[in-house]
Amino acid sequence: MEWEDAGMDRLHGAPEALAYVRGLNAITPPTAAFDAAFSSD
């Protein structure tokens, strides 16, 4: 993880960032393929 906020204490910000990234894992990917949206069927 890249750290851009020099004003935030890393001991506070790092756990917050980790929780955010772990939350991204809960996103369910779409079942349709991207190209299928442009199909002329």
N, C-alpha and C. Protein backbone atom coordinates (compact mmCIF):
# COMPACT_ATOMS: atom_id res chain seq x y z
N MET A 1 0.85 -1.17 0.00
CA MET A 1 0.00 0.00 0.00
C MET A 1 0.89 1.23 0.00
N GLU A 2 0.58 2.15 -0.87
CA GLU A 2 1.33 3.40 -0.94
C GLU A 2 0.78 4.37 0.10
N TRP A 3 1.69 5.05 0.79
CA TRP A 3 1.29 5.96 1.84
C TRP A 3 1.51 7.39 1.37
N GLU A 4 0.45 8.18 1.24
CA GLU A 4 0.54 9.54 0.72
C GLU A 4 0.32 10.61 1.79
N ASP A 5 -0.23 10.25 2.93
CA ASP A 5 -0.61 11.23 3.93
C ASP A 5 0.46 11.36 5.00
N ALA A 6 1.35 12.32 4.84
CA ALA A 6 2.43 12.51 5.80
C ALA A 6 1.92 13.07 7.13
N GLY A 7 0.71 13.63 7.12
CA GLY A 7 0.16 14.21 8.33
C GLY A 7 -0.57 13.22 9.23
N MET A 8 -0.78 12.00 8.74
CA MET A 8 -1.49 11.00 9.54
C MET A 8 -0.49 10.00 10.14
N ASP A 9 -0.68 9.72 11.40
CA ASP A 9 0.17 8.74 12.06
C ASP A 9 -0.06 7.37 11.44
N ARG A 10 1.01 6.70 11.04
CA ARG A 10 0.87 5.41 10.35
C ARG A 10 0.26 4.34 11.24
N LEU A 11 0.41 4.45 12.55
CA LEU A 11 -0.18 3.46 13.45
C LEU A 11 -1.70 3.60 13.50
N HIS A 12 -2.20 4.74 13.12
CA HIS A 12 -3.66 4.94 13.02
C HIS A 12 -4.13 4.65 11.60
N GLY A 13 -3.41 5.16 10.62
CA GLY A 13 -3.84 5.06 9.23
C GLY A 13 -3.69 3.68 8.61
N ALA A 14 -2.65 2.96 8.97
CA ALA A 14 -2.41 1.65 8.36
C ALA A 14 -3.54 0.65 8.68
N PRO A 15 -3.97 0.51 9.91
CA PRO A 15 -5.10 -0.41 10.18
C PRO A 15 -6.38 0.02 9.47
N GLU A 16 -6.59 1.33 9.37
CA GLU A 16 -7.77 1.84 8.68
C GLU A 16 -7.71 1.47 7.19
N ALA A 17 -6.54 1.64 6.57
CA ALA A 17 -6.36 1.30 5.16
C ALA A 17 -6.51 -0.20 4.95
N LEU A 18 -5.98 -1.00 5.84
CA LEU A 18 -6.09 -2.45 5.73
C LEU A 18 -7.55 -2.89 5.79
N ALA A 19 -8.30 -2.31 6.70
CA ALA A 19 -9.72 -2.65 6.81
C ALA A 19 -10.46 -2.30 5.53
N TYR A 20 -10.10 -1.18 4.91
CA TYR A 20 -10.74 -0.78 3.66
C TYR A 20 -10.43 -1.78 2.55
N VAL A 21 -9.16 -2.16 2.42
CA VAL A 21 -8.75 -3.11 1.37
C VAL A 21 -9.40 -4.47 1.60
N ARG A 22 -9.46 -4.91 2.82
CA ARG A 22 -10.12 -6.19 3.11
C ARG A 22 -11.61 -6.12 2.76
N GLY A 23 -12.21 -4.98 2.93
CA GLY A 23 -13.61 -4.80 2.58
C GLY A 23 -13.85 -4.90 1.08
N LEU A 24 -12.86 -4.57 0.28
CA LEU A 24 -12.99 -4.68 -1.17
C LEU A 24 -13.15 -6.14 -1.60
N ASN A 25 -12.63 -7.03 -0.80
CA ASN A 25 -12.73 -8.46 -1.11
C ASN A 25 -14.17 -8.94 -1.05
N ALA A 26 -15.03 -8.20 -0.39
CA ALA A 26 -16.43 -8.59 -0.24
C ALA A 26 -17.27 -8.24 -1.48
N ILE A 27 -16.68 -7.51 -2.42
CA ILE A 27 -17.40 -7.12 -3.63
C ILE A 27 -17.56 -8.34 -4.53
N THR A 28 -18.77 -8.63 -4.93
CA THR A 28 -19.04 -9.76 -5.80
C THR A 28 -18.87 -9.33 -7.25
N PRO A 29 -18.00 -9.98 -8.00
CA PRO A 29 -17.81 -9.60 -9.39
C PRO A 29 -19.05 -9.92 -10.22
N PRO A 30 -19.28 -9.20 -11.29
CA PRO A 30 -20.45 -9.47 -12.13
C PRO A 30 -20.33 -10.84 -12.79
N THR A 31 -21.47 -11.43 -13.10
CA THR A 31 -21.46 -12.75 -13.74
C THR A 31 -21.37 -12.66 -15.25
N ALA A 32 -21.75 -11.51 -15.83
CA ALA A 32 -21.69 -11.35 -17.28
C ALA A 32 -20.32 -10.85 -17.70
N ALA A 33 -19.87 -11.32 -18.84
CA ALA A 33 -18.61 -10.84 -19.39
C ALA A 33 -18.79 -9.42 -19.91
N PHE A 34 -17.75 -8.63 -19.86
CA PHE A 34 -17.82 -7.25 -20.32
C PHE A 34 -18.25 -7.17 -21.78
N ASP A 35 -17.67 -8.00 -22.62
CA ASP A 35 -17.99 -7.98 -24.05
C ASP A 35 -19.44 -8.35 -24.34
N ALA A 36 -20.07 -9.11 -23.44
CA ALA A 36 -21.44 -9.52 -23.65
C ALA A 36 -22.40 -8.32 -23.66
N ALA A 37 -22.02 -7.25 -22.99
CA ALA A 37 -22.86 -6.07 -22.97
C ALA A 37 -22.98 -5.43 -24.34
N PHE A 38 -22.03 -5.71 -25.24
CA PHE A 38 -22.02 -5.12 -26.57
C PHE A 38 -22.45 -6.12 -27.65
N SER A 39 -22.93 -7.27 -27.21
CA SER A 39 -23.35 -8.30 -28.15
C SER A 39 -24.63 -7.86 -28.87
N SER A 40 -24.75 -8.22 -30.13
CA SER A 40 -25.94 -7.84 -30.90
C SER A 40 -26.94 -8.99 -30.96
N ASP A 41 -26.82 -9.96 -30.08
CA ASP A 41 -27.72 -11.12 -30.08
C ASP A 41 -29.12 -10.73 -29.73
